Amino acid sequence: MGKLFSIGEVLIDFIPLQKGVALKDVVAFERAPGGAPANVAAAVAKYGQEAAMISKLGKDAFGDFLVEKLVEAGVDTDKIYRTGDANTALAFVSLKENGERDFSFYRNPSADLLLSEEEIEPAWFQAGDILHFCSVDLVESPMKQAHKKAIAAVRAADGLVSFDPNVRLPLWEDPEDCRKAILEFLPTADIVKVSDEELEFITGIKDEAEAMQSLFVGNVKAVVYTKGAAGADLILKDQKFESSGYSVEAVDTTGAGDAFIGGFLYQLLELHAYPENIEEILRDHHTFILQFANASGALTTTGKGAISALPTKKEVEEFIGS
């Protein structure tokens, strides 16, 4: 049975206690463990598959808190290094009335960006493993090179690579730098998740179908196109499968996309996906895979935070069946 490895940022999300207030006017926050790759690892672990986090945290109380919360979620944390050279990353969030968010990040640099390629060990990865990453930690840094080494290692081991660009422009000096980094890493992935808000930015193409096809470069075998409450489409090179979303009362959409892809990758691990058989698996099982992923994302929006709001596998299955 394969294992999920997530590489990238682990951080604290400071969630406001009030909705509909600009970030400058928020007077009280509560802390929640976060970071998109960490959220995905937590979802996979919570649903019952093995998951590990590859990152670096500061030798500070926030780092201690994050390790504790990942362990509680069932994530293997022995590949999280600690450093005294930088602090753990923080993100302050403001929530609109509909649960959508604005972010302000504190990391210049944060500890995660100091993870080096020398700290990646190819022996970690086995056939059938999945490596998942996002774009937040692809800024020019040691961490970017660590990503390249990890991707090469999991591919050499006959594992799968999953990429969710998860665009966060406030973290980039120039939006074009973000786009270039995404396009640089896109061909390394077997699976690409992209949201309806990101597609045109990433591809530079207005037409949805044309933009989607432009993502099939290099190793890309499947594109997962998420549309929030409207559900998601699964696109292979020659086929498209649509799915409906679930209607829920959203409290906080933080981590919904991560819970979605976590549910998606959990199902691929359950089905023993490899680079050689993933297209066949997706053709045969797309209906339930997308149902599970949509339900996972929807249920996460009904609580505050990302890891803190993740449902259990039983809750997802009961929700699908209700």
C-alpha atoms as a PDB file:
ATOM      1  CA  MET A   1       0.000   0.000   0.000  1.00  0.00           C
ATOM      2  CA  GLY A   2       1.365   3.408  -0.963  1.00  0.00           C
ATOM      3  CA  LYS A   3       1.863   6.379   1.318  1.00  0.00           C
ATOM      4  CA  LEU A   4       1.184  10.074   0.829  1.00  0.00           C
ATOM      5  CA  PHE A   5       4.066  12.523   1.275  1.00  0.00           C
ATOM      6  CA  SER A   6       3.252  16.238   1.368  1.00  0.00           C
ATOM      7  CA  ILE A   7       6.084  18.723   0.978  1.00  0.00           C
ATOM      8  CA  GLY A   8       5.866  22.445   1.707  1.00  0.00           C
ATOM      9  CA  GLU A   9       4.561  24.852   4.293  1.00  0.00           C
ATOM     10  CA  VAL A  10       3.086  24.091   7.694  1.00  0.00           C
ATOM     11  CA  LEU A  11       1.840  27.261   9.369  1.00  0.00           C
ATOM     12  CA  ILE A  12      -0.576  28.800  11.830  1.00  0.00           C
ATOM     13  CA  ASP A  13      -3.789  30.287  10.453  1.00  0.00           C
ATOM     14  CA  PHE A  14      -5.105  33.004  12.749  1.00  0.00           C
ATOM     15  CA  ILE A  15      -8.869  32.873  12.103  1.00  0.00           C
ATOM     16  CA  PRO A  16     -10.933  35.953  13.085  1.00  0.00           C
ATOM     17  CA  LEU A  17     -13.716  35.605  15.618  1.00  0.00           C
ATOM     18  CA  GLN A  18     -15.847  38.004  13.518  1.00  0.00           C
ATOM     19  CA  LYS A  19     -17.079  37.609   9.939  1.00  0.00           C
ATOM     20  CA  GLY A  20     -17.558  40.441   7.483  1.00  0.00           C
ATOM     21  CA  VAL A  21     -14.804  42.601   8.997  1.00  0.00           C
ATOM     22  CA  ALA A  22     -11.701  43.834   7.142  1.00  0.00           C
ATOM     23  CA  LEU A  23      -8.457  42.383   8.458  1.00  0.00           C
ATOM     24  CA  LYS A  24      -7.366  45.754   9.860  1.00  0.00           C
ATOM     25  CA  ASP A  25     -10.543  45.861  11.974  1.00  0.00           C
ATOM     26  CA  VAL A  26     -10.427  42.331  13.408  1.00  0.00           C
ATOM     27  CA  VAL A  27      -9.875  42.516  17.174  1.00  0.00           C
ATOM     28  CA  ALA A  28      -9.648  38.806  18.077  1.00  0.00           C
ATOM     29  CA  PHE A  29      -8.367  35.648  16.396  1.00  0.00           C
ATOM     30  CA  GLU A  30      -8.126  31.971  17.232  1.00  0.00           C
ATOM     31  CA  ARG A  31      -5.182  29.916  16.020  1.00  0.00           C
ATOM     32  CA  ALA A  32      -5.632  26.892  13.781  1.00  0.00           C
ATOM     33  CA  PRO A  33      -3.036  24.556  12.265  1.00  0.00           C
ATOM     34  CA  GLY A  34      -2.745  24.995   8.504  1.00  0.00           C
ATOM     35  CA  GLY A  35      -0.648  25.169   5.376  1.00  0.00           C
ATOM     36  CA  ALA A  36      -2.137  23.567   2.265  1.00  0.00           C
ATOM     37  CA  PRO A  37       0.245  20.567   1.979  1.00  0.00           C
ATOM     38  CA  ALA A  38      -0.179  19.853   5.706  1.00  0.00           C
ATOM     39  CA  ASN A  39      -3.967  20.019   5.377  1.00  0.00           C
ATOM     40  CA  VAL A  40      -3.841  17.411   2.605  1.00  0.00           C
ATOM     41  CA  ALA A  41      -1.609  15.100   4.656  1.00  0.00           C
ATOM     42  CA  ALA A  42      -3.967  15.436   7.632  1.00  0.00           C
ATOM     43  CA  ALA A  43      -7.003  14.586   5.483  1.00  0.00           C
ATOM     44  CA  VAL A  44      -5.380  11.452   4.047  1.00  0.00           C
ATOM     45  CA  ALA A  45      -4.243  10.321   7.507  1.00  0.00           C
ATOM     46  CA  LYS A  46      -7.624  11.025   9.075  1.00  0.00           C
ATOM     47  CA  TYR A  47      -9.347   8.917   6.411  1.00  0.00           C
ATOM     48  CA  GLY A  48      -7.073   5.982   7.217  1.00  0.00           C
ATOM     49  CA  GLN A  49      -4.082   5.947   4.860  1.00  0.00           C
ATOM     50  CA  GLU A  50      -0.456   6.617   5.797  1.00  0.00           C
ATOM     51  CA  ALA A  51       0.664  10.220   5.353  1.00  0.00           C
ATOM     52  CA  ALA A  52       3.889  12.075   6.122  1.00  0.00           C
ATOM     53  CA  MET A  53       4.822  15.756   6.108  1.00  0.00           C
ATOM     54  CA  ILE A  54       8.165  16.983   4.741  1.00  0.00           C
ATOM     55  CA  SER A  55       8.928  20.488   5.981  1.00  0.00           C
ATOM     56  CA  LYS A  56      10.861  22.638   8.423  1.00  0.00           C
ATOM     57  CA  LEU A  57       9.525  24.566  11.424  1.00  0.00           C
ATOM     58  CA  GLY A  58      11.025  27.085  13.805  1.00  0.00           C
ATOM     59  CA  LYS A  59      12.207  26.055  17.244  1.00  0.00           C
ATOM     60  CA  ASP A  60       9.302  27.968  18.724  1.00  0.00           C
ATOM     61  CA  ALA A  61       5.961  27.400  20.425  1.00  0.00           C
ATOM     62  CA  PHE A  62       4.068  27.634  17.136  1.00  0.00           C
ATOM     63  CA  GLY A  63       6.238  24.864  15.677  1.00  0.00           C
ATOM     64  CA  ASP A  64       5.589  22.710  18.757  1.00  0.00           C
ATOM     65  CA  PHE A  65       1.847  23.296  18.367  1.00  0.00           C
ATOM     66  CA  LEU A  66       1.858  22.317  14.686  1.00  0.00           C
ATOM     67  CA  VAL A  67       3.776  19.089  15.245  1.00  0.00           C
ATOM     68  CA  GLU A  68       1.372  18.207  18.064  1.00  0.00           C
ATOM     69  CA  LYS A  69      -1.693  18.803  15.870  1.00  0.00           C
ATOM     70  CA  LEU A  70      -0.288  16.814  12.943  1.00  0.00           C
ATOM     71  CA  VAL A  71       0.492  13.901  15.242  1.00  0.00           C
ATOM     72  CA  GLU A  72      -3.078  14.084  16.581  1.00  0.00           C
ATOM     73  CA  ALA A  73      -4.338  13.869  12.986  1.00  0.00           C
ATOM     74  CA  GLY A  74      -2.210  10.762  12.428  1.00  0.00           C
ATOM     75  CA  VAL A  75       0.467  12.368  10.230  1.00  0.00           C
ATOM     76  CA  ASP A  76       4.052  11.069  10.362  1.00  0.00           C
ATOM     77  CA  THR A  77       6.143  14.071  11.476  1.00  0.00           C
ATOM     78  CA  ASP A  78       9.644  12.569  11.589  1.00  0.00           C
ATOM     79  CA  LYS A  79      10.499  14.316   8.297  1.00  0.00           C
ATOM     80  CA  ILE A  80       9.756  17.748   9.771  1.00  0.00           C
ATOM     81  CA  TYR A  81      13.058  19.417  10.650  1.00  0.00           C
ATOM     82  CA  ARG A  82      13.419  22.222  13.195  1.00  0.00           C
ATOM     83  CA  THR A  83      15.611  25.335  12.943  1.00  0.00           C
ATOM     84  CA  GLY A  84      16.597  28.305  15.064  1.00  0.00           C
ATOM     85  CA  ASP A  85      17.398  30.385  11.968  1.00  0.00           C
ATOM     86  CA  ALA A  86      13.805  31.434  11.210  1.00  0.00           C
ATOM     87  CA  ASN A  87      10.366  31.388  12.788  1.00  0.00           C
ATOM     88  CA  THR A  88       7.360  29.250  11.965  1.00  0.00           C
ATOM     89  CA  ALA A  89       5.152  30.906   9.322  1.00  0.00           C
ATOM     90  CA  LEU A  90       1.945  32.708  10.336  1.00  0.00           C
ATOM     91  CA  ALA A  91      -1.098  33.669   8.254  1.00  0.00           C
ATOM     92  CA  PHE A  92      -3.762  36.102   9.443  1.00  0.00           C
ATOM     93  CA  VAL A  93      -7.147  35.601   7.809  1.00  0.00           C
ATOM     94  CA  SER A  94     -10.247  37.766   7.516  1.00  0.00           C
ATOM     95  CA  LEU A  95     -13.587  36.128   6.695  1.00  0.00           C
ATOM     96  CA  LYS A  96     -16.327  37.581   4.517  1.00  0.00           C
ATOM     97  CA  GLU A  97     -19.954  36.809   5.384  1.00  0.00           C
ATOM     98  CA  ASN A  98     -19.987  33.877   2.929  1.00  0.00           C
ATOM     99  CA  GLY A  99     -16.899  32.297   4.506  1.00  0.00           C
ATOM    100  CA  GLU A 100     -14.465  33.426   1.763  1.00  0.00           C
ATOM    101  CA  ARG A 101     -11.094  34.731   2.922  1.00  0.00           C
ATOM    102  CA  ASP A 102      -8.372  37.347   2.636  1.00  0.00           C
ATOM    103  CA  PHE A 103      -4.837  36.547   3.832  1.00  0.00           C
ATOM    104  CA  SER A 104      -1.869  38.404   5.308  1.00  0.00           C
ATOM    105  CA  PHE A 105       1.289  36.278   5.630  1.00  0.00           C
ATOM    106  CA  TYR A 106       4.245  36.670   8.003  1.00  0.00           C
ATOM    107  CA  ARG A 107       7.325  34.924   6.593  1.00  0.00           C
ATOM    108  CA  ASN A 108      10.464  36.650   5.382  1.00  0.00           C
ATOM    109  CA  PRO A 109      11.654  33.962   5.269  1.00  0.00           C
ATOM    110  CA  SER A 110       9.828  31.456   7.437  1.00  0.00           C
ATOM    111  CA  ALA A 111      11.415  28.209   8.568  1.00  0.00           C
ATOM    112  CA  ASP A 112       9.766  26.086   5.859  1.00  0.00           C
ATOM    113  CA  LEU A 113      11.672  27.935   3.113  1.00  0.00           C
ATOM    114  CA  LEU A 114      14.972  26.808   4.661  1.00  0.00           C
ATOM    115  CA  LEU A 115      14.422  23.086   4.033  1.00  0.00           C
ATOM    116  CA  SER A 116      17.314  22.070   1.759  1.00  0.00           C
ATOM    117  CA  GLU A 117      17.690  19.430  -0.931  1.00  0.00           C
ATOM    118  CA  GLU A 118      20.370  17.748   1.200  1.00  0.00           C
ATOM    119  CA  GLU A 119      17.660  16.995   3.761  1.00  0.00           C
ATOM    120  CA  ILE A 120      15.564  15.022   1.240  1.00  0.00           C
ATOM    121  CA  GLU A 121      16.382  11.292   1.280  1.00  0.00           C
ATOM    122  CA  PRO A 122      15.364   9.356  -1.868  1.00  0.00           C
ATOM    123  CA  ALA A 123      15.113   6.158   0.217  1.00  0.00           C
ATOM    124  CA  TRP A 124      11.929   7.559   1.832  1.00  0.00           C
ATOM    125  CA  PHE A 125       9.922   6.860  -1.315  1.00  0.00           C
ATOM    126  CA  GLN A 126       8.572   3.535  -2.588  1.00  0.00           C
ATOM    127  CA  ALA A 127       6.503   2.384  -5.570  1.00  0.00           C
ATOM    128  CA  GLY A 128       2.870   3.442  -5.219  1.00  0.00           C
ATOM    129  CA  ASP A 129       3.609   6.463  -3.008  1.00  0.00           C
ATOM    130  CA  ILE A 130       2.157   9.872  -3.859  1.00  0.00           C
ATOM    131  CA  LEU A 131       4.042  13.154  -3.435  1.00  0.00           C
ATOM    132  CA  HIS A 132       1.800  16.217  -3.135  1.00  0.00           C
ATOM    133  CA  PHE A 133       2.945  19.844  -3.336  1.00  0.00           C
ATOM    134  CA  CYS A 134       1.633  23.383  -3.901  1.00  0.00           C
ATOM    135  CA  SER A 135       3.109  26.643  -5.223  1.00  0.00           C
ATOM    136  CA  VAL A 136       3.452  28.677  -2.000  1.00  0.00           C
ATOM    137  CA  ASP A 137       6.914  27.226  -1.302  1.00  0.00           C
ATOM    138  CA  LEU A 138       8.184  27.465  -4.892  1.00  0.00           C
ATOM    139  CA  VAL A 139       9.651  30.935  -4.371  1.00  0.00           C
ATOM    140  CA  GLU A 140      13.418  31.088  -4.942  1.00  0.00           C
ATOM    141  CA  SER A 141      14.709  29.364  -1.800  1.00  0.00           C
ATOM    142  CA  PRO A 142      16.349  26.151  -0.599  1.00  0.00           C
ATOM    143  CA  MET A 143      12.816  24.696  -0.330  1.00  0.00           C
ATOM    144  CA  LYS A 144      12.291  25.045  -4.094  1.00  0.00           C
ATOM    145  CA  GLN A 145      15.344  22.859  -4.710  1.00  0.00           C
ATOM    146  CA  ALA A 146      14.112  20.410  -2.065  1.00  0.00           C
ATOM    147  CA  HIS A 147      10.889  20.069  -4.083  1.00  0.00           C
ATOM    148  CA  LYS A 148      12.856  19.220  -7.227  1.00  0.00           C
ATOM    149  CA  LYS A 149      14.828  16.498  -5.470  1.00  0.00           C
ATOM    150  CA  ALA A 150      11.725  14.990  -3.832  1.00  0.00           C
ATOM    151  CA  ILE A 151       9.817  14.977  -7.140  1.00  0.00           C
ATOM    152  CA  ALA A 152      12.703  13.260  -8.946  1.00  0.00           C
ATOM    153  CA  ALA A 153      13.016  10.701  -6.135  1.00  0.00           C
ATOM    154  CA  VAL A 154       9.355   9.703  -6.008  1.00  0.00           C
ATOM    155  CA  ARG A 155       9.209   9.477  -9.794  1.00  0.00           C
ATOM    156  CA  ALA A 156      12.311   7.241  -9.831  1.00  0.00           C
ATOM    157  CA  ALA A 157      10.581   5.012  -7.241  1.00  0.00           C
ATOM    158  CA  ASP A 158       7.491   4.608  -9.516  1.00  0.00           C
ATOM    159  CA  GLY A 159       5.302   6.863  -7.426  1.00  0.00           C
ATOM    160  CA  LEU A 160       2.789   9.536  -8.436  1.00  0.00           C
ATOM    161  CA  VAL A 161       3.176  13.320  -8.220  1.00  0.00           C
ATOM    162  CA  SER A 162       0.215  15.598  -7.382  1.00  0.00           C
ATOM    163  CA  PHE A 163       0.342  19.393  -7.798  1.00  0.00           C
ATOM    164  CA  ASP A 164      -2.205  21.906  -6.530  1.00  0.00           C
ATOM    165  CA  PRO A 165      -0.943  25.385  -7.533  1.00  0.00           C
ATOM    166  CA  ASN A 166      -3.067  26.929  -4.726  1.00  0.00           C
ATOM    167  CA  VAL A 167      -2.221  30.460  -5.892  1.00  0.00           C
ATOM    168  CA  ARG A 168      -1.472  32.953  -3.090  1.00  0.00           C
ATOM    169  CA  LEU A 169      -0.316  36.125  -4.850  1.00  0.00           C
ATOM    170  CA  PRO A 170       0.386  38.153  -1.648  1.00  0.00           C
ATOM    171  CA  LEU A 171       3.395  35.864  -1.122  1.00  0.00           C
ATOM    172  CA  TRP A 172       5.014  36.838  -4.417  1.00  0.00           C
ATOM    173  CA  GLU A 173       6.730  40.120  -5.272  1.00  0.00           C
ATOM    174  CA  ASP A 174       5.424  39.828  -8.843  1.00  0.00           C
ATOM    175  CA  PRO A 175       2.397  37.738  -9.964  1.00  0.00           C
ATOM    176  CA  GLU A 176       4.339  36.743 -13.078  1.00  0.00           C
ATOM    177  CA  ASP A 177       6.985  35.062 -10.878  1.00  0.00           C
ATOM    178  CA  CYS A 178       4.221  32.944  -9.366  1.00  0.00           C
ATOM    179  CA  ARG A 179       2.881  31.989 -12.792  1.00  0.00           C
ATOM    180  CA  LYS A 180       6.349  31.097 -14.076  1.00  0.00           C
ATOM    181  CA  ALA A 181       7.034  28.869 -11.064  1.00  0.00           C
ATOM    182  CA  ILE A 182       3.725  27.047 -11.550  1.00  0.00           C
ATOM    183  CA  LEU A 183       4.433  26.515 -15.262  1.00  0.00           C
ATOM    184  CA  GLU A 184       7.962  25.301 -14.448  1.00  0.00           C
ATOM    185  CA  PHE A 185       6.669  22.583 -12.085  1.00  0.00           C
ATOM    186  CA  LEU A 186       3.474  21.693 -13.958  1.00  0.00           C
ATOM    187  CA  PRO A 187       5.113  19.106 -16.285  1.00  0.00           C
ATOM    188  CA  THR A 188       6.518  17.197 -13.284  1.00  0.00           C
ATOM    189  CA  ALA A 189       3.044  16.221 -12.014  1.00  0.00           C
ATOM    190  CA  ASP A 190       0.786  13.298 -12.941  1.00  0.00           C
ATOM    191  CA  ILE A 191      -2.245  14.972 -11.332  1.00  0.00           C
ATOM    192  CA  VAL A 192      -2.936  18.712 -11.383  1.00  0.00           C
ATOM    193  CA  LYS A 193      -5.699  20.295  -9.319  1.00  0.00           C
ATOM    194  CA  VAL A 194      -6.724  23.780 -10.412  1.00  0.00           C
ATOM    195  CA  SER A 195      -9.640  25.942  -9.298  1.00  0.00           C
ATOM    196  CA  ASP A 196     -11.972  27.968 -11.511  1.00  0.00           C
ATOM    197  CA  GLU A 197     -10.411  31.126 -10.001  1.00  0.00           C
ATOM    198  CA  GLU A 198      -6.887  30.059 -11.033  1.00  0.00           C
ATOM    199  CA  LEU A 199      -7.222  28.571 -14.508  1.00  0.00           C
ATOM    200  CA  GLU A 200      -6.983  31.742 -16.604  1.00  0.00           C
ATOM    201  CA  PHE A 201      -4.221  33.220 -14.420  1.00  0.00           C
ATOM    202  CA  ILE A 202      -2.080  30.099 -14.783  1.00  0.00           C
ATOM    203  CA  THR A 203      -2.650  29.463 -18.486  1.00  0.00           C
ATOM    204  CA  GLY A 204      -3.249  32.984 -19.818  1.00  0.00           C
ATOM    205  CA  ILE A 205      -6.141  31.524 -21.851  1.00  0.00           C
ATOM    206  CA  LYS A 206      -9.743  32.766 -21.477  1.00  0.00           C
ATOM    207  CA  ASP A 207     -11.490  29.811 -23.134  1.00  0.00           C
ATOM    208  CA  GLU A 208     -12.021  27.189 -20.427  1.00  0.00           C
ATOM    209  CA  ALA A 209     -11.712  24.068 -22.599  1.00  0.00           C
ATOM    210  CA  GLU A 210      -8.622  25.389 -24.389  1.00  0.00           C
ATOM    211  CA  ALA A 211      -7.042  26.446 -21.093  1.00  0.00           C
ATOM    212  CA  MET A 212      -7.680  22.997 -19.618  1.00  0.00           C
ATOM    213  CA  GLN A 213      -6.053  21.196 -22.540  1.00  0.00           C
ATOM    214  CA  SER A 214      -2.994  23.444 -22.268  1.00  0.00           C
ATOM    215  CA  LEU A 215      -2.317  21.926 -18.838  1.00  0.00           C
ATOM    216  CA  PHE A 216      -1.545  18.545 -20.420  1.00  0.00           C
ATOM    217  CA  VAL A 217       2.207  18.966 -20.653  1.00  0.00           C
ATOM    218  CA  GLY A 218       5.019  16.651 -19.615  1.00  0.00           C
ATOM    219  CA  ASN A 219       3.807  13.939 -17.257  1.00  0.00           C
ATOM    220  CA  VAL A 220       0.309  15.355 -16.675  1.00  0.00           C
ATOM    221  CA  LYS A 221      -2.293  12.579 -17.000  1.00  0.00           C
ATOM    222  CA  ALA A 222      -5.274  14.087 -15.178  1.00  0.00           C
ATOM    223  CA  VAL A 223      -6.566  17.574 -14.348  1.00  0.00           C
ATOM    224  CA  VAL A 224      -9.011  18.068 -11.484  1.00  0.00           C
ATOM    225  CA  TYR A 225     -10.948  21.300 -12.014  1.00  0.00           C
ATOM    226  CA  THR A 226     -12.676  22.455  -8.833  1.00  0.00           C
ATOM    227  CA  LYS A 227     -15.618  24.859  -8.908  1.00  0.00           C
ATOM    228  CA  GLY A 228     -16.393  25.371  -5.213  1.00  0.00           C
ATOM    229  CA  ALA A 229     -19.964  24.515  -4.282  1.00  0.00           C
ATOM    230  CA  ALA A 230     -20.674  23.682  -7.956  1.00  0.00           C
ATOM    231  CA  GLY A 231     -18.539  20.540  -7.742  1.00  0.00           C
ATOM    232  CA  ALA A 232     -15.569  19.465  -9.832  1.00  0.00           C
ATOM    233  CA  ASP A 233     -14.622  18.071 -13.234  1.00  0.00           C
ATOM    234  CA  LEU A 234     -12.063  15.360 -13.858  1.00  0.00           C
ATOM    235  CA  ILE A 235     -10.370  15.762 -17.221  1.00  0.00           C
ATOM    236  CA  LEU A 236      -8.200  13.146 -18.904  1.00  0.00           C
ATOM    237  CA  LYS A 237      -6.554  13.795 -22.254  1.00  0.00           C
ATOM    238  CA  ASP A 238      -9.495  12.301 -24.131  1.00  0.00           C
ATOM    239  CA  GLN A 239     -12.377  12.316 -21.612  1.00  0.00           C
ATOM    240  CA  LYS A 240     -14.173  14.592 -19.168  1.00  0.00           C
ATOM    241  CA  PHE A 241     -16.181  13.515 -16.115  1.00  0.00           C
ATOM    242  CA  GLU A 242     -18.383  16.012 -14.275  1.00  0.00           C
ATOM    243  CA  SER A 243     -19.629  15.922 -10.677  1.00  0.00           C
ATOM    244  CA  SER A 244     -22.008  18.016  -8.590  1.00  0.00           C
ATOM    245  CA  GLY A 245     -21.066  19.696  -5.340  1.00  0.00           C
ATOM    246  CA  TYR A 246     -22.906  19.569  -2.021  1.00  0.00           C
ATOM    247  CA  SER A 247     -24.874  22.426  -0.503  1.00  0.00           C
ATOM    248  CA  VAL A 248     -23.854  23.208   3.084  1.00  0.00           C
ATOM    249  CA  GLU A 249     -23.882  26.204   5.423  1.00  0.00           C
ATOM    250  CA  ALA A 250     -20.289  27.425   5.010  1.00  0.00           C
ATOM    251  CA  VAL A 251     -18.635  28.799   8.144  1.00  0.00           C
ATOM    252  CA  ASP A 252     -15.057  29.028   6.829  1.00  0.00           C
ATOM    253  CA  THR A 253     -13.803  27.894   3.410  1.00  0.00           C
ATOM    254  CA  THR A 254     -10.171  27.667   4.622  1.00  0.00           C
ATOM    255  CA  GLY A 255      -8.823  24.259   3.646  1.00  0.00           C
ATOM    256  CA  ALA A 256     -11.848  23.175   1.580  1.00  0.00           C
ATOM    257  CA  GLY A 257      -9.759  22.656  -1.563  1.00  0.00           C
ATOM    258  CA  ASP A 258      -7.129  20.818   0.476  1.00  0.00           C
ATOM    259  CA  ALA A 259      -9.767  18.539   1.983  1.00  0.00           C
ATOM    260  CA  PHE A 260     -11.062  17.911  -1.542  1.00  0.00           C
ATOM    261  CA  ILE A 261      -7.686  16.856  -2.944  1.00  0.00           C
ATOM    262  CA  GLY A 262      -6.921  14.973   0.278  1.00  0.00           C
ATOM    263  CA  GLY A 263     -10.077  12.926  -0.244  1.00  0.00           C
ATOM    264  CA  PHE A 264      -9.188  12.435  -3.919  1.00  0.00           C
ATOM    265  CA  LEU A 265      -5.641  11.222  -3.169  1.00  0.00           C
ATOM    266  CA  TYR A 266      -6.880   9.019  -0.309  1.00  0.00           C
ATOM    267  CA  GLN A 267      -9.078   7.176  -2.796  1.00  0.00           C
ATOM    268  CA  LEU A 268      -6.134   6.748  -5.207  1.00  0.00           C
ATOM    269  CA  LEU A 269      -4.095   5.165  -2.413  1.00  0.00           C
ATOM    270  CA  GLU A 270      -7.014   2.882  -1.573  1.00  0.00           C
ATOM    271  CA  LEU A 271      -7.151   1.815  -5.237  1.00  0.00           C
ATOM    272  CA  HIS A 272      -3.373   1.191  -5.486  1.00  0.00           C
ATOM    273  CA  ALA A 273      -2.732   3.834  -8.148  1.00  0.00           C
ATOM    274  CA  TYR A 274       0.593   3.944  -9.992  1.00  0.00           C
ATOM    275  CA  PRO A 275       1.698   6.066 -12.965  1.00  0.00           C
ATOM    276  CA  GLU A 276       0.950   3.073 -15.207  1.00  0.00           C
ATOM    277  CA  ASN A 277      -2.659   2.487 -14.123  1.00  0.00           C
ATOM    278  CA  ILE A 278      -3.933   5.843 -12.876  1.00  0.00           C
ATOM    279  CA  GLU A 279      -5.881   6.724 -16.032  1.00  0.00           C
ATOM    280  CA  GLU A 280      -7.665   3.356 -15.986  1.00  0.00           C
ATOM    281  CA  ILE A 281      -8.469   3.750 -12.267  1.00  0.00           C
ATOM    282  CA  LEU A 282      -9.880   7.234 -12.820  1.00  0.00           C
ATOM    283  CA  ARG A 283     -12.032   6.065 -15.725  1.00  0.00           C
ATOM    284  CA  ASP A 284     -13.400   3.135 -13.714  1.00  0.00           C
ATOM    285  CA  HIS A 285     -13.892   4.838 -10.339  1.00  0.00           C
ATOM    286  CA  HIS A 286     -14.340   8.544 -11.127  1.00  0.00           C
ATOM    287  CA  THR A 287     -17.907   8.741  -9.785  1.00  0.00           C
ATOM    288  CA  PHE A 288     -17.141   7.680  -6.225  1.00  0.00           C
ATOM    289  CA  ILE A 289     -13.705   9.345  -6.128  1.00  0.00           C
ATOM    290  CA  LEU A 290     -15.290  12.707  -6.997  1.00  0.00           C
ATOM    291  CA  GLN A 291     -18.245  12.152  -4.639  1.00  0.00           C
ATOM    292  CA  PHE A 292     -15.878  11.449  -1.758  1.00  0.00           C
ATOM    293  CA  ALA A 293     -13.646  14.431  -2.600  1.00  0.00           C
ATOM    294  CA  ASN A 294     -16.607  16.830  -2.979  1.00  0.00           C
ATOM    295  CA  ALA A 295     -18.118  15.700   0.327  1.00  0.00           C
ATOM    296  CA  SER A 296     -14.746  16.004   2.058  1.00  0.00           C
ATOM    297  CA  GLY A 297     -14.361  19.606   0.872  1.00  0.00           C
ATOM    298  CA  ALA A 298     -17.956  20.590   1.652  1.00  0.00           C
ATOM    299  CA  LEU A 299     -17.939  19.216   5.203  1.00  0.00           C
ATOM    300  CA  THR A 300     -14.673  21.009   5.974  1.00  0.00           C
ATOM    301  CA  THR A 301     -16.341  24.374   5.303  1.00  0.00           C
ATOM    302  CA  THR A 302     -18.851  23.749   8.110  1.00  0.00           C
ATOM    303  CA  GLY A 303     -16.167  24.300  10.783  1.00  0.00           C
ATOM    304  CA  LYS A 304     -13.403  26.836  11.428  1.00  0.00           C
ATOM    305  CA  GLY A 305      -9.861  26.259  10.258  1.00  0.00           C
ATOM    306  CA  ALA A 306      -8.583  23.518   7.979  1.00  0.00           C
ATOM    307  CA  ILE A 307      -7.119  20.559   9.897  1.00  0.00           C
ATOM    308  CA  SER A 308      -9.404  21.374  12.829  1.00  0.00           C
ATOM    309  CA  ALA A 309     -12.510  21.110  10.613  1.00  0.00           C
ATOM    310  CA  LEU A 310     -11.652  17.929   8.681  1.00  0.00           C
ATOM    311  CA  PRO A 311     -14.428  15.320   8.852  1.00  0.00           C
ATOM    312  CA  THR A 312     -13.866  11.623   9.563  1.00  0.00           C
ATOM    313  CA  LYS A 313     -14.173   8.990   6.837  1.00  0.00           C
ATOM    314  CA  LYS A 314     -17.410   7.785   8.457  1.00  0.00           C
ATOM    315  CA  GLU A 315     -18.849  11.323   8.398  1.00  0.00           C
ATOM    316  CA  VAL A 316     -17.981  11.690   4.697  1.00  0.00           C
ATOM    317  CA  GLU A 317     -19.568   8.355   3.800  1.00  0.00           C
ATOM    318  CA  GLU A 318     -22.700   9.078   5.829  1.00  0.00           C
ATOM    319  CA  PHE A 319     -22.970  12.511   4.200  1.00  0.00           C
ATOM    320  CA  ILE A 320     -22.721  10.973   0.712  1.00  0.00           C
ATOM    321  CA  GLY A 321     -25.379   8.431   1.611  1.00  0.00           C
ATOM    322  CA  SER A 322     -27.810  10.909   3.206  1.00  0.00           C
END
